[in-house]
Amino acid sequence: MTNEVTIIGGGLAGAEAAYQIHKRGGRAVIIEEKPARFSPAHSSPMLAELVCSNSLKSDALENAAGLLKEEMRLLDSLVLKAAQTARVPAGKTLAVDRGAFSEFITAALDDAGARVVREEATAIPGTRPLIIATGPLTSDAFAQAVSVFIGREGLYFYDAVAPIVYKDGINMDKAFFASRYGKGGDDYINCPLDTVEYERFYNALVEADKVNGREFEDIKIFEGCMPIEVMAERGAKTLVFGPMKPVGLIDPKTGGRPYAALQLRRENTEGTLYNMVGFQTRLKFPEQKKVFRLIPALESAEFARLGKLHRNSYIDSPRLLFSTQQLRKDAGVFFAGQITGVEGYCESAASGLLAGINALRVVKGFPAMTPPASTITGALMRHISNGQNRNFSPMNANMGLLPDIPGRKKDKREAQVKKALEDFRVWSNEFTRI
């Protein structure tokens, strides 16, 4: 028996799985459709392309996103190595230069000796172990093959991406550098609005033309990536308490707090591109330019990328998978990444990390393992595979997944983080002993 594992998909989950396999003496074959075929959201031939945002969320240990990263670091995550190398200033948020990030991962896997087959998978291979990590934008042909293989239709939701603007088109006379409450330095460009400016922007936003899904499909929007116009429809002040909240910001030109503020986060190392934070959208392209230029600092903005809506697919994991991510009806098949219903870059990578090591464990005659429920990674894996979860939808890592610990919120969080890391360290020593 060889130590070879076949992986379909070269996104975050597939790339992380391949790295973990090679790191531990195995061999990975990645079947990746790019550049022969690109999904509606992809454009680069590189592996591990980031499409929705350049942010991997907070790096702070007091929240689930930071805890998840620390657990991944304990297993030497390739994605986090790449993120650190390609990091751009964003306060406590781990944001990256997308191109440099993907280049690092592609080169690392090439150096490790991973074999990448550049062709579209249209059928389920007979090789085992097999990791299916095709992501939420799985091609129609392979999605059909998966549906037949698992014996049921997949699920789906709609996701949106935010526009990116050129730095030299931002009117800095009407914007200022700062992070909320001064945390993390002056890493964001803030575009303030007064009451009149916000009302004008808000009215134009809710009245603008939107792109709809096919007429026969219901629009299912993931809460964690809510289009700005959908959020606005919930009430006139929703944005002021959401992505445009001005708390912790003082406009140096007025000495006061603005009524609302759009934050722009650096998109690349050079600082020539900025992402409109929280402004995922399904507005039609001409409407985006018209509406977003109503924000005073963006009145002359030029857009490097406009926002768009795309359909994401995921399987009914609670009915199909064990917590090890193995298919219940064929334990030689692992599903990993966003196709399982984990939502987020690091969540996807963590899923691939576990699947890669578990697939190699199976090859070597060891049982697959799941992290303890007290860890954020283990809690997330248990959530997506919980057969009692009858209303399954994509899930981010969050502290609510962890077992409760009595006490005040701050003390509880500290205790949960401490226990999670202690338990993960002990568990990972056994997990990687192969």
Foldseek 3Di string as FASTA:
>chain_A
DALEEEEEAQALLRLQLQLLSLVQPGAYEYEAQPPVDDFPQDDDRFGHADGFFQWQFFCDLLWQSVLLVVLCVLSPGPLVVLLVVQADQDFRIRGGQRVSSRVSSRVSSVVSPHHYHHRQDQADDPDFLYEYEHFFRRDPRNQVRVCVVQVHHWDKAKAKHFFKWFPVLFQCVQWAFADALRGRHRQKIKQFDAPVLLVVLLVLLLPFAFDDDPPVDDHHHDPVRDAPNVQSVVDVCSVCVPQFPQHRDADPVVRHTGSTIFIWGQNGRVSGMTTGPSNGHRGPPVSCLVSVLSRPRNVRIDTPGHMHMDMTIAHQQQVAADLLQAGPVGRRYGYAACNLQADGSSLRNLRSNLNSLQSSCVVVPHHRDAQDQLAQNRLVSCVSRNNVPPPGHHYYRGPVSHDFDDDDPSVRSVVSSVVNVVSSSVVVVVSSPD
